[in-house]
C-alpha atoms as a PDB file:
ATOM      1  CA  UNK A   1       0.000   0.000   0.000  1.00  0.00           C
ATOM      2  CA  UNK A   2       2.759   2.444   0.935  1.00  0.00           C
ATOM      3  CA  UNK A   3       4.636   2.263  -2.350  1.00  0.00           C
ATOM      4  CA  UNK A   4       1.518   2.249  -4.529  1.00  0.00           C
ATOM      5  CA  UNK A   5      -0.015   5.309  -2.896  1.00  0.00           C
ATOM      6  CA  UNK A   6       3.377   7.021  -2.747  1.00  0.00           C
ATOM      7  CA  UNK A   7       3.873   6.614  -6.496  1.00  0.00           C
ATOM      8  CA  UNK A   8       0.349   7.841  -7.213  1.00  0.00           C
ATOM      9  CA  UNK A   9       0.987  10.951  -5.163  1.00  0.00           C
ATOM     10  CA  UNK A  10       4.395  11.546  -6.780  1.00  0.00           C
ATOM     11  CA  UNK A  11       2.744  11.517 -10.211  1.00  0.00           C
ATOM     12  CA  UNK A  12       0.100  13.971  -9.021  1.00  0.00           C
ATOM     13  CA  UNK A  13       2.717  16.277  -7.495  1.00  0.00           C
ATOM     14  CA  UNK A  14       4.984  16.256 -10.536  1.00  0.00           C
ATOM     15  CA  UNK A  15       2.093  17.045 -12.863  1.00  0.00           C
ATOM     16  CA  UNK A  16       1.256  20.027 -10.653  1.00  0.00           C
ATOM     17  CA  UNK A  17       4.900  21.158 -10.517  1.00  0.00           C
ATOM     18  CA  UNK A  18       5.113  21.229 -14.304  1.00  0.00           C
ATOM     19  CA  UNK A  19       1.787  23.050 -14.526  1.00  0.00           C
ATOM     20  CA  UNK A  20       2.976  25.757 -12.146  1.00  0.00           C
ATOM     21  CA  UNK A  21       6.351  26.090 -13.869  1.00  0.00           C
ATOM     22  CA  UNK A  22       4.681  26.465 -17.254  1.00  0.00           C
ATOM     23  CA  UNK A  23       2.679  29.393 -15.894  1.00  0.00           C
ATOM     24  CA  UNK A  24       5.835  31.386 -15.150  1.00  0.00           C
ATOM     25  CA  UNK A  25       6.474  34.103 -17.770  1.00  0.00           C
ATOM     26  CA  UNK A  26       9.696  33.290 -19.630  1.00  0.00           C
ATOM     27  CA  UNK A  27      11.786  36.412 -19.209  1.00  0.00           C
ATOM     28  CA  UNK A  28      14.952  34.328 -19.383  1.00  0.00           C
ATOM     29  CA  UNK A  29      14.893  30.746 -20.676  1.00  0.00           C
ATOM     30  CA  UNK A  30      18.141  29.763 -18.927  1.00  0.00           C
ATOM     31  CA  UNK A  31      16.686  30.678 -15.546  1.00  0.00           C
ATOM     32  CA  UNK A  32      13.563  28.588 -16.205  1.00  0.00           C
ATOM     33  CA  UNK A  33      15.734  25.702 -17.375  1.00  0.00           C
ATOM     34  CA  UNK A  34      17.827  25.881 -14.196  1.00  0.00           C
ATOM     35  CA  UNK A  35      14.687  25.955 -12.041  1.00  0.00           C
ATOM     36  CA  UNK A  36      13.234  22.969 -13.877  1.00  0.00           C
ATOM     37  CA  UNK A  37      16.526  21.059 -13.734  1.00  0.00           C
ATOM     38  CA  UNK A  38      16.452  20.813  -9.953  1.00  0.00           C
ATOM     39  CA  UNK A  39      12.709  20.859  -9.384  1.00  0.00           C
ATOM     40  CA  UNK A  40      12.063  17.956 -11.764  1.00  0.00           C
ATOM     41  CA  UNK A  41      15.135  15.873 -10.913  1.00  0.00           C
ATOM     42  CA  UNK A  42      13.154  13.189  -9.105  1.00  0.00           C
ATOM     43  CA  UNK A  43      13.396  12.509  -5.421  1.00  0.00           C
ATOM     44  CA  UNK A  44      10.973  11.141  -2.860  1.00  0.00           C
ATOM     45  CA  UNK A  45       8.712  14.234  -2.805  1.00  0.00           C
ATOM     46  CA  UNK A  46       8.456  13.493   0.896  1.00  0.00           C
ATOM     47  CA  UNK A  47       7.412  16.925   2.138  1.00  0.00           C
ATOM     48  CA  UNK A  48       4.420  17.375  -0.187  1.00  0.00           C
ATOM     49  CA  UNK A  49       3.460  13.745   0.423  1.00  0.00           C
ATOM     50  CA  UNK A  50       3.477  14.392   4.169  1.00  0.00           C
ATOM     51  CA  UNK A  51       1.204  17.398   3.714  1.00  0.00           C
ATOM     52  CA  UNK A  52      -1.333  15.308   1.830  1.00  0.00           C
ATOM     53  CA  UNK A  53      -1.010  12.389   4.262  1.00  0.00           C
ATOM     54  CA  UNK A  54      -1.727  14.722   7.192  1.00  0.00           C
ATOM     55  CA  UNK A  55      -4.850  15.955   5.409  1.00  0.00           C
ATOM     56  CA  UNK A  56      -5.844  12.328   4.819  1.00  0.00           C
ATOM     57  CA  UNK A  57      -5.535  11.655   8.554  1.00  0.00           C
ATOM     58  CA  UNK A  58      -7.916  14.526   9.330  1.00  0.00           C
ATOM     59  CA  UNK A  59     -10.632  13.931   6.739  1.00  0.00           C
ATOM     60  CA  UNK A  60      -9.252  11.959   3.796  1.00  0.00           C
ATOM     61  CA  UNK A  61      -8.848  14.813   1.314  1.00  0.00           C
ATOM     62  CA  UNK A  62      -5.074  14.869   0.793  1.00  0.00           C
ATOM     63  CA  UNK A  63      -5.027  15.053  -2.991  1.00  0.00           C
ATOM     64  CA  UNK A  64      -7.216  18.174  -2.838  1.00  0.00           C
ATOM     65  CA  UNK A  65      -4.220  20.151  -1.599  1.00  0.00           C
ATOM     66  CA  UNK A  66      -1.674  19.227  -4.268  1.00  0.00           C
ATOM     67  CA  UNK A  67      -1.234  22.890  -5.179  1.00  0.00           C
ATOM     68  CA  UNK A  68       0.079  23.813  -1.728  1.00  0.00           C
ATOM     69  CA  UNK A  69       2.010  20.545  -1.593  1.00  0.00           C
ATOM     70  CA  UNK A  70       3.836  21.410  -4.815  1.00  0.00           C
ATOM     71  CA  UNK A  71       4.782  24.795  -3.360  1.00  0.00           C
ATOM     72  CA  UNK A  72       6.521  23.062  -0.477  1.00  0.00           C
ATOM     73  CA  UNK A  73       8.562  21.021  -2.943  1.00  0.00           C
ATOM     74  CA  UNK A  74       9.687  24.272  -4.581  1.00  0.00           C
ATOM     75  CA  UNK A  75      10.994  25.491  -1.232  1.00  0.00           C
ATOM     76  CA  UNK A  76      12.786  22.196  -0.716  1.00  0.00           C
ATOM     77  CA  UNK A  77      14.332  22.329  -4.199  1.00  0.00           C
ATOM     78  CA  UNK A  78      15.572  25.869  -3.560  1.00  0.00           C
ATOM     79  CA  UNK A  79      17.227  24.754  -0.329  1.00  0.00           C
ATOM     80  CA  UNK A  80      19.022  21.876  -2.058  1.00  0.00           C
ATOM     81  CA  UNK A  81      20.370  24.124  -4.806  1.00  0.00           C
ATOM     82  CA  UNK A  82      21.809  26.529  -2.251  1.00  0.00           C
ATOM     83  CA  UNK A  83      23.054  23.765   0.096  1.00  0.00           C
ATOM     84  CA  UNK A  84      25.089  22.250  -2.731  1.00  0.00           C
ATOM     85  CA  UNK A  85      26.940  25.484  -3.540  1.00  0.00           C
ATOM     86  CA  UNK A  86      30.720  25.616  -2.977  1.00  0.00           C
ATOM     87  CA  UNK A  87      30.315  28.135  -0.139  1.00  0.00           C
ATOM     88  CA  UNK A  88      27.909  25.788   1.631  1.00  0.00           C
ATOM     89  CA  UNK A  89      28.222  21.969   1.406  1.00  0.00           C
ATOM     90  CA  UNK A  90      30.206  22.040  -1.866  1.00  0.00           C
ATOM     91  CA  UNK A  91      28.581  18.960  -3.425  1.00  0.00           C
ATOM     92  CA  UNK A  92      29.011  17.978  -7.060  1.00  0.00           C
ATOM     93  CA  UNK A  93      26.172  15.459  -7.269  1.00  0.00           C
ATOM     94  CA  UNK A  94      22.565  15.334  -6.136  1.00  0.00           C
ATOM     95  CA  UNK A  95      20.294  12.337  -6.849  1.00  0.00           C
ATOM     96  CA  UNK A  96      22.932  10.916  -9.166  1.00  0.00           C
ATOM     97  CA  UNK A  97      23.081  14.059 -11.328  1.00  0.00           C
ATOM     98  CA  UNK A  98      25.426  17.013 -11.406  1.00  0.00           C
ATOM     99  CA  UNK A  99      24.310  19.704  -8.987  1.00  0.00           C
ATOM    100  CA  UNK A 100      22.704  22.847 -10.347  1.00  0.00           C
ATOM    101  CA  UNK A 101      25.782  25.058 -10.077  1.00  0.00           C
ATOM    102  CA  UNK A 102      27.871  22.459 -11.913  1.00  0.00           C
ATOM    103  CA  UNK A 103      25.534  22.711 -14.886  1.00  0.00           C
ATOM    104  CA  UNK A 104      24.458  26.356 -14.893  1.00  0.00           C
ATOM    105  CA  UNK A 105      27.182  28.085 -12.870  1.00  0.00           C
ATOM    106  CA  UNK A 106      27.041  29.410  -9.329  1.00  0.00           C
ATOM    107  CA  UNK A 107      25.331  32.723 -10.101  1.00  0.00           C
ATOM    108  CA  UNK A 108      22.489  31.152 -12.094  1.00  0.00           C
ATOM    109  CA  UNK A 109      22.065  28.436  -9.465  1.00  0.00           C
ATOM    110  CA  UNK A 110      21.594  31.084  -6.788  1.00  0.00           C
ATOM    111  CA  UNK A 111      19.014  32.855  -8.938  1.00  0.00           C
ATOM    112  CA  UNK A 112      17.195  29.585  -9.689  1.00  0.00           C
ATOM    113  CA  UNK A 113      16.946  28.910  -5.964  1.00  0.00           C
ATOM    114  CA  UNK A 114      15.715  32.434  -5.282  1.00  0.00           C
ATOM    115  CA  UNK A 115      13.116  32.123  -8.032  1.00  0.00           C
ATOM    116  CA  UNK A 116      11.793  28.788  -6.711  1.00  0.00           C
ATOM    117  CA  UNK A 117      11.490  30.130  -3.173  1.00  0.00           C
ATOM    118  CA  UNK A 118       9.498  33.185  -4.202  1.00  0.00           C
ATOM    119  CA  UNK A 119       7.386  31.213  -6.698  1.00  0.00           C
ATOM    120  CA  UNK A 120       6.367  28.867  -3.893  1.00  0.00           C
ATOM    121  CA  UNK A 121       4.496  31.601  -2.028  1.00  0.00           C
ATOM    122  CA  UNK A 122       2.760  32.719  -5.203  1.00  0.00           C
ATOM    123  CA  UNK A 123       1.642  29.132  -5.802  1.00  0.00           C
ATOM    124  CA  UNK A 124       0.271  28.804  -2.247  1.00  0.00           C
ATOM    125  CA  UNK A 125      -2.108  31.637  -3.056  1.00  0.00           C
ATOM    126  CA  UNK A 126      -3.516  29.541  -5.916  1.00  0.00           C
ATOM    127  CA  UNK A 127      -4.887  26.882  -3.550  1.00  0.00           C
ATOM    128  CA  UNK A 128      -8.626  26.547  -4.041  1.00  0.00           C
ATOM    129  CA  UNK A 129     -11.366  25.231  -1.790  1.00  0.00           C
ATOM    130  CA  UNK A 130     -10.043  26.603   1.511  1.00  0.00           C
ATOM    131  CA  UNK A 131     -10.560  29.759   3.533  1.00  0.00           C
ATOM    132  CA  UNK A 132      -8.299  32.779   3.303  1.00  0.00           C
ATOM    133  CA  UNK A 133      -7.441  32.211   6.965  1.00  0.00           C
ATOM    134  CA  UNK A 134      -6.166  28.707   6.201  1.00  0.00           C
ATOM    135  CA  UNK A 135      -4.001  29.975   3.351  1.00  0.00           C
ATOM    136  CA  UNK A 136      -2.547  32.700   5.566  1.00  0.00           C
ATOM    137  CA  UNK A 137      -1.785  30.062   8.219  1.00  0.00           C
ATOM    138  CA  UNK A 138       0.104  27.987   5.644  1.00  0.00           C
ATOM    139  CA  UNK A 139       2.067  30.982   4.376  1.00  0.00           C
ATOM    140  CA  UNK A 140       3.005  31.867   7.955  1.00  0.00           C
ATOM    141  CA  UNK A 141       4.085  28.297   8.702  1.00  0.00           C
ATOM    142  CA  UNK A 142       6.152  28.031   5.525  1.00  0.00           C
ATOM    143  CA  UNK A 143       7.833  31.409   5.832  1.00  0.00           C
ATOM    144  CA  UNK A 144       8.928  30.616   9.394  1.00  0.00           C
ATOM    145  CA  UNK A 145      10.115  27.132   8.383  1.00  0.00           C
ATOM    146  CA  UNK A 146      12.151  28.495   5.473  1.00  0.00           C
ATOM    147  CA  UNK A 147      13.619  31.519   7.234  1.00  0.00           C
ATOM    148  CA  UNK A 148      15.825  32.537  10.130  1.00  0.00           C
ATOM    149  CA  UNK A 149      13.798  30.505  12.624  1.00  0.00           C
ATOM    150  CA  UNK A 150      13.930  27.446  10.379  1.00  0.00           C
ATOM    151  CA  UNK A 151      16.088  26.251   7.505  1.00  0.00           C
ATOM    152  CA  UNK A 152      18.252  29.346   7.183  1.00  0.00           C
ATOM    153  CA  UNK A 153      18.833  29.535  10.924  1.00  0.00           C
ATOM    154  CA  UNK A 154      19.714  25.859  11.078  1.00  0.00           C
ATOM    155  CA  UNK A 155      22.101  26.236   8.172  1.00  0.00           C
ATOM    156  CA  UNK A 156      23.780  29.153   9.939  1.00  0.00           C
ATOM    157  CA  UNK A 157      24.424  26.979  12.992  1.00  0.00           C
ATOM    158  CA  UNK A 158      25.732  24.268  10.667  1.00  0.00           C
ATOM    159  CA  UNK A 159      28.199  26.618   8.986  1.00  0.00           C
ATOM    160  CA  UNK A 160      29.439  28.050  12.265  1.00  0.00           C
ATOM    161  CA  UNK A 161      29.888  24.553  13.710  1.00  0.00           C
ATOM    162  CA  UNK A 162      32.254  23.222  11.044  1.00  0.00           C
ATOM    163  CA  UNK A 163      35.483  22.102  12.648  1.00  0.00           C
ATOM    164  CA  UNK A 164      34.003  22.357  16.125  1.00  0.00           C
ATOM    165  CA  UNK A 165      32.618  19.715  18.450  1.00  0.00           C
ATOM    166  CA  UNK A 166      29.130  20.801  19.436  1.00  0.00           C
ATOM    167  CA  UNK A 167      26.865  19.165  22.012  1.00  0.00           C
ATOM    168  CA  UNK A 168      23.746  17.132  21.245  1.00  0.00           C
ATOM    169  CA  UNK A 169      21.424  19.979  22.238  1.00  0.00           C
ATOM    170  CA  UNK A 170      23.034  22.340  19.714  1.00  0.00           C
ATOM    171  CA  UNK A 171      22.934  19.611  17.073  1.00  0.00           C
ATOM    172  CA  UNK A 172      19.260  19.035  17.730  1.00  0.00           C
ATOM    173  CA  UNK A 173      18.505  22.766  17.595  1.00  0.00           C
ATOM    174  CA  UNK A 174      20.322  22.960  14.263  1.00  0.00           C
ATOM    175  CA  UNK A 175      18.335  20.136  12.727  1.00  0.00           C
ATOM    176  CA  UNK A 176      14.990  21.232  14.150  1.00  0.00           C
ATOM    177  CA  UNK A 177      15.475  24.236  11.892  1.00  0.00           C
ATOM    178  CA  UNK A 178      17.461  22.899   8.981  1.00  0.00           C
ATOM    179  CA  UNK A 179      15.669  19.592   8.440  1.00  0.00           C
ATOM    180  CA  UNK A 180      12.707  19.327  10.780  1.00  0.00           C
ATOM    181  CA  UNK A 181      11.193  22.742  10.171  1.00  0.00           C
ATOM    182  CA  UNK A 182       9.863  22.071   6.708  1.00  0.00           C
ATOM    183  CA  UNK A 183       8.583  18.621   7.675  1.00  0.00           C
ATOM    184  CA  UNK A 184       6.685  20.168  10.566  1.00  0.00           C
ATOM    185  CA  UNK A 185       5.298  22.989   8.438  1.00  0.00           C
ATOM    186  CA  UNK A 186       4.157  20.526   5.774  1.00  0.00           C
ATOM    187  CA  UNK A 187       2.309  18.322   8.242  1.00  0.00           C
ATOM    188  CA  UNK A 188       0.741  21.182  10.198  1.00  0.00           C
ATOM    189  CA  UNK A 189      -0.304  22.876   6.952  1.00  0.00           C
ATOM    190  CA  UNK A 190      -1.978  19.729   5.654  1.00  0.00           C
ATOM    191  CA  UNK A 191      -3.832  19.398   8.944  1.00  0.00           C
ATOM    192  CA  UNK A 192      -5.057  23.003   8.925  1.00  0.00           C
ATOM    193  CA  UNK A 193      -6.101  22.908   5.264  1.00  0.00           C
ATOM    194  CA  UNK A 194      -8.174  19.796   6.003  1.00  0.00           C
ATOM    195  CA  UNK A 195      -9.870  21.428   8.997  1.00  0.00           C
ATOM    196  CA  UNK A 196      -8.074  19.768  11.918  1.00  0.00           C
ATOM    197  CA  UNK A 197      -9.307  20.464  15.427  1.00  0.00           C
ATOM    198  CA  UNK A 198      -6.920  21.356  18.270  1.00  0.00           C
ATOM    199  CA  UNK A 199      -6.459  17.764  19.414  1.00  0.00           C
ATOM    200  CA  UNK A 200      -5.642  16.571  15.909  1.00  0.00           C
ATOM    201  CA  UNK A 201      -3.270  19.464  15.257  1.00  0.00           C
ATOM    202  CA  UNK A 202      -1.430  18.853  18.541  1.00  0.00           C
ATOM    203  CA  UNK A 203      -1.042  15.145  17.781  1.00  0.00           C
ATOM    204  CA  UNK A 204       0.171  15.772  14.229  1.00  0.00           C
ATOM    205  CA  UNK A 205       2.630  18.403  15.467  1.00  0.00           C
ATOM    206  CA  UNK A 206       4.150  15.857  17.861  1.00  0.00           C
ATOM    207  CA  UNK A 207       4.286  13.351  15.011  1.00  0.00           C
ATOM    208  CA  UNK A 208       6.035  15.894  12.802  1.00  0.00           C
ATOM    209  CA  UNK A 209       8.689  16.621  15.423  1.00  0.00           C
ATOM    210  CA  UNK A 210       9.414  12.914  15.833  1.00  0.00           C
ATOM    211  CA  UNK A 211       9.475  12.414  12.074  1.00  0.00           C
ATOM    212  CA  UNK A 212      12.012  15.192  11.554  1.00  0.00           C
ATOM    213  CA  UNK A 213      14.282  13.852  14.279  1.00  0.00           C
ATOM    214  CA  UNK A 214      14.128  10.270  13.022  1.00  0.00           C
ATOM    215  CA  UNK A 215      14.780  11.407   9.455  1.00  0.00           C
ATOM    216  CA  UNK A 216      17.865  13.427  10.392  1.00  0.00           C
ATOM    217  CA  UNK A 217      19.371  10.685  12.527  1.00  0.00           C
ATOM    218  CA  UNK A 218      18.977   8.136   9.745  1.00  0.00           C
ATOM    219  CA  UNK A 219      20.424  10.685   7.314  1.00  0.00           C
ATOM    220  CA  UNK A 220      23.537  10.857   9.515  1.00  0.00           C
ATOM    221  CA  UNK A 221      23.646   7.058   9.631  1.00  0.00           C
ATOM    222  CA  UNK A 222      23.389   6.757   5.838  1.00  0.00           C
ATOM    223  CA  UNK A 223      26.285   9.180   5.430  1.00  0.00           C
ATOM    224  CA  UNK A 224      28.392   6.538   7.172  1.00  0.00           C
ATOM    225  CA  UNK A 225      26.996   3.212   5.961  1.00  0.00           C
ATOM    226  CA  UNK A 226      24.929   4.146   2.901  1.00  0.00           C
ATOM    227  CA  UNK A 227      25.583   3.077  -0.678  1.00  0.00           C
ATOM    228  CA  UNK A 228      26.779   5.931  -2.880  1.00  0.00           C
ATOM    229  CA  UNK A 229      24.940   4.671  -5.982  1.00  0.00           C
ATOM    230  CA  UNK A 230      21.677   4.296  -4.088  1.00  0.00           C
ATOM    231  CA  UNK A 231      21.912   7.651  -2.317  1.00  0.00           C
ATOM    232  CA  UNK A 232      22.941   9.473  -5.470  1.00  0.00           C
ATOM    233  CA  UNK A 233      25.747  11.499  -3.900  1.00  0.00           C
ATOM    234  CA  UNK A 234      29.081  10.726  -2.230  1.00  0.00           C
ATOM    235  CA  UNK A 235      28.892   9.348   1.296  1.00  0.00           C
ATOM    236  CA  UNK A 236      31.209  10.465   4.069  1.00  0.00           C
ATOM    237  CA  UNK A 237      30.717  14.168   3.362  1.00  0.00           C
ATOM    238  CA  UNK A 238      30.048  14.909   7.037  1.00  0.00           C
ATOM    239  CA  UNK A 239      33.398  13.421   8.060  1.00  0.00           C
ATOM    240  CA  UNK A 240      35.248  15.188   5.247  1.00  0.00           C
ATOM    241  CA  UNK A 241      33.673  18.498   6.242  1.00  0.00           C
ATOM    242  CA  UNK A 242      34.457  17.810   9.924  1.00  0.00           C
ATOM    243  CA  UNK A 243      30.813  18.095  10.970  1.00  0.00           C
ATOM    244  CA  UNK A 244      29.221  16.882  14.177  1.00  0.00           C
ATOM    245  CA  UNK A 245      26.398  14.377  13.651  1.00  0.00           C
ATOM    246  CA  UNK A 246      24.342  12.004  15.772  1.00  0.00           C
ATOM    247  CA  UNK A 247      26.824   9.285  14.815  1.00  0.00           C
ATOM    248  CA  UNK A 248      29.974  11.228  15.696  1.00  0.00           C
ATOM    249  CA  UNK A 249      28.554  12.604  18.958  1.00  0.00           C
ATOM    250  CA  UNK A 250      27.249   9.223  20.120  1.00  0.00           C
ATOM    251  CA  UNK A 251      27.977   6.076  18.113  1.00  0.00           C
ATOM    252  CA  UNK A 252      26.471   4.219  15.164  1.00  0.00           C
ATOM    253  CA  UNK A 253      24.573   1.851  17.451  1.00  0.00           C
ATOM    254  CA  UNK A 254      23.354   4.656  19.697  1.00  0.00           C
ATOM    255  CA  UNK A 255      22.219   6.679  16.690  1.00  0.00           C
ATOM    256  CA  UNK A 256      20.174   3.713  15.463  1.00  0.00           C
ATOM    257  CA  UNK A 257      18.615   3.430  18.914  1.00  0.00           C
ATOM    258  CA  UNK A 258      17.736   7.141  18.961  1.00  0.00           C
ATOM    259  CA  UNK A 259      16.123   6.857  15.532  1.00  0.00           C
ATOM    260  CA  UNK A 260      14.005   3.909  16.667  1.00  0.00           C
ATOM    261  CA  UNK A 261      12.899   5.836  19.765  1.00  0.00           C
ATOM    262  CA  UNK A 262      11.869   8.822  17.639  1.00  0.00           C
ATOM    263  CA  UNK A 263       9.831   6.548  15.375  1.00  0.00           C
ATOM    264  CA  UNK A 264       8.042   5.030  18.374  1.00  0.00           C
ATOM    265  CA  UNK A 265       7.273   8.504  19.733  1.00  0.00           C
ATOM    266  CA  UNK A 266       5.789   9.467  16.379  1.00  0.00           C
ATOM    267  CA  UNK A 267       3.615   6.361  16.265  1.00  0.00           C
ATOM    268  CA  UNK A 268       2.386   7.076  19.791  1.00  0.00           C
ATOM    269  CA  UNK A 269       1.307  10.543  18.693  1.00  0.00           C
ATOM    270  CA  UNK A 270      -1.011   9.003  16.086  1.00  0.00           C
ATOM    271  CA  UNK A 271      -2.993   6.908  18.575  1.00  0.00           C
ATOM    272  CA  UNK A 272      -5.970   9.248  18.417  1.00  0.00           C
ATOM    273  CA  UNK A 273      -6.350   8.447  14.702  1.00  0.00           C
ATOM    274  CA  UNK A 274      -7.710   5.328  13.062  1.00  0.00           C
ATOM    275  CA  UNK A 275      -6.896   3.751   9.708  1.00  0.00           C
ATOM    276  CA  UNK A 276      -7.021   7.172   8.070  1.00  0.00           C
ATOM    277  CA  UNK A 277      -3.492   7.805   9.456  1.00  0.00           C
ATOM    278  CA  UNK A 278      -2.000   4.532   8.222  1.00  0.00           C
ATOM    279  CA  UNK A 279      -0.070   6.304   5.464  1.00  0.00           C
ATOM    280  CA  UNK A 280       1.578   8.507   8.092  1.00  0.00           C
ATOM    281  CA  UNK A 281       2.432   5.416  10.124  1.00  0.00           C
ATOM    282  CA  UNK A 282       3.898   3.693   7.077  1.00  0.00           C
ATOM    283  CA  UNK A 283       5.973   6.766   6.219  1.00  0.00           C
ATOM    284  CA  UNK A 284       7.424   6.840   9.723  1.00  0.00           C
ATOM    285  CA  UNK A 285       8.285   3.140   9.677  1.00  0.00           C
ATOM    286  CA  UNK A 286       9.872   3.611   6.256  1.00  0.00           C
ATOM    287  CA  UNK A 287      12.495   5.895   7.785  1.00  0.00           C
ATOM    288  CA  UNK A 288      14.175   3.057   9.685  1.00  0.00           C
ATOM    289  CA  UNK A 289      14.539   0.964   6.535  1.00  0.00           C
ATOM    290  CA  UNK A 290      15.330   3.681   3.999  1.00  0.00           C
ATOM    291  CA  UNK A 291      18.494   3.444   1.953  1.00  0.00           C
ATOM    292  CA  UNK A 292      18.477   6.902   0.380  1.00  0.00           C
END
């Protein structure tokens, strides 16, 4: 069930992404090409899928919000383009393909990322069938998750921590912003768009926090034991860049234990839901077995 529904949702999301890209006036074709290169380069589409799965858990209408879901993927794509730049993580490959700046140059890659980020908020305003208040909630959630209190703030901690041994609390704070913020915003946004009550929103928020933590820990684990061909980029980048991770600050076995605990916490948070949250449960369990 997990894989079948996942693939159905990926197809829906990618059709929407192309639709939204094709609506952008072509002032410069190279810019559009660079945006499309990263946005349509595959991937798990996990963040938009989580938004729709959260809506499913509330009232079963996840696919109704594919427009907002696609906007979240634009924000994610922007962050990957910028993360890969030489002044950031300095990666040459992403998902088995040359990174954006390797194909289009650093300046155009920066502009492509900027364009995707700003387009995302325009696309959110195109969501139909919901109240203006719900759309404003989503925009607020996403702007916080993408900004200084979220991804950008987490990345700043990451940059300032290179070559230093930080403690677990600082590491967690970094990843709550850098990785967990957008997961949390996606899930909370899906819940609000679907009309979640306070109890449902609280439960899904706790789930989102556990999901983000489990995902980051397993990401650190894969950087040590993952397969380069499967992941689509070189492994061992954290060690080469002298970065603190859950593996380096604890151990490989302890990191696996922490990931399992986070997954269990997330599953506990879903106890108020019935079968309508099974996709969320499956997504959380998937984290422990993922290879990329």
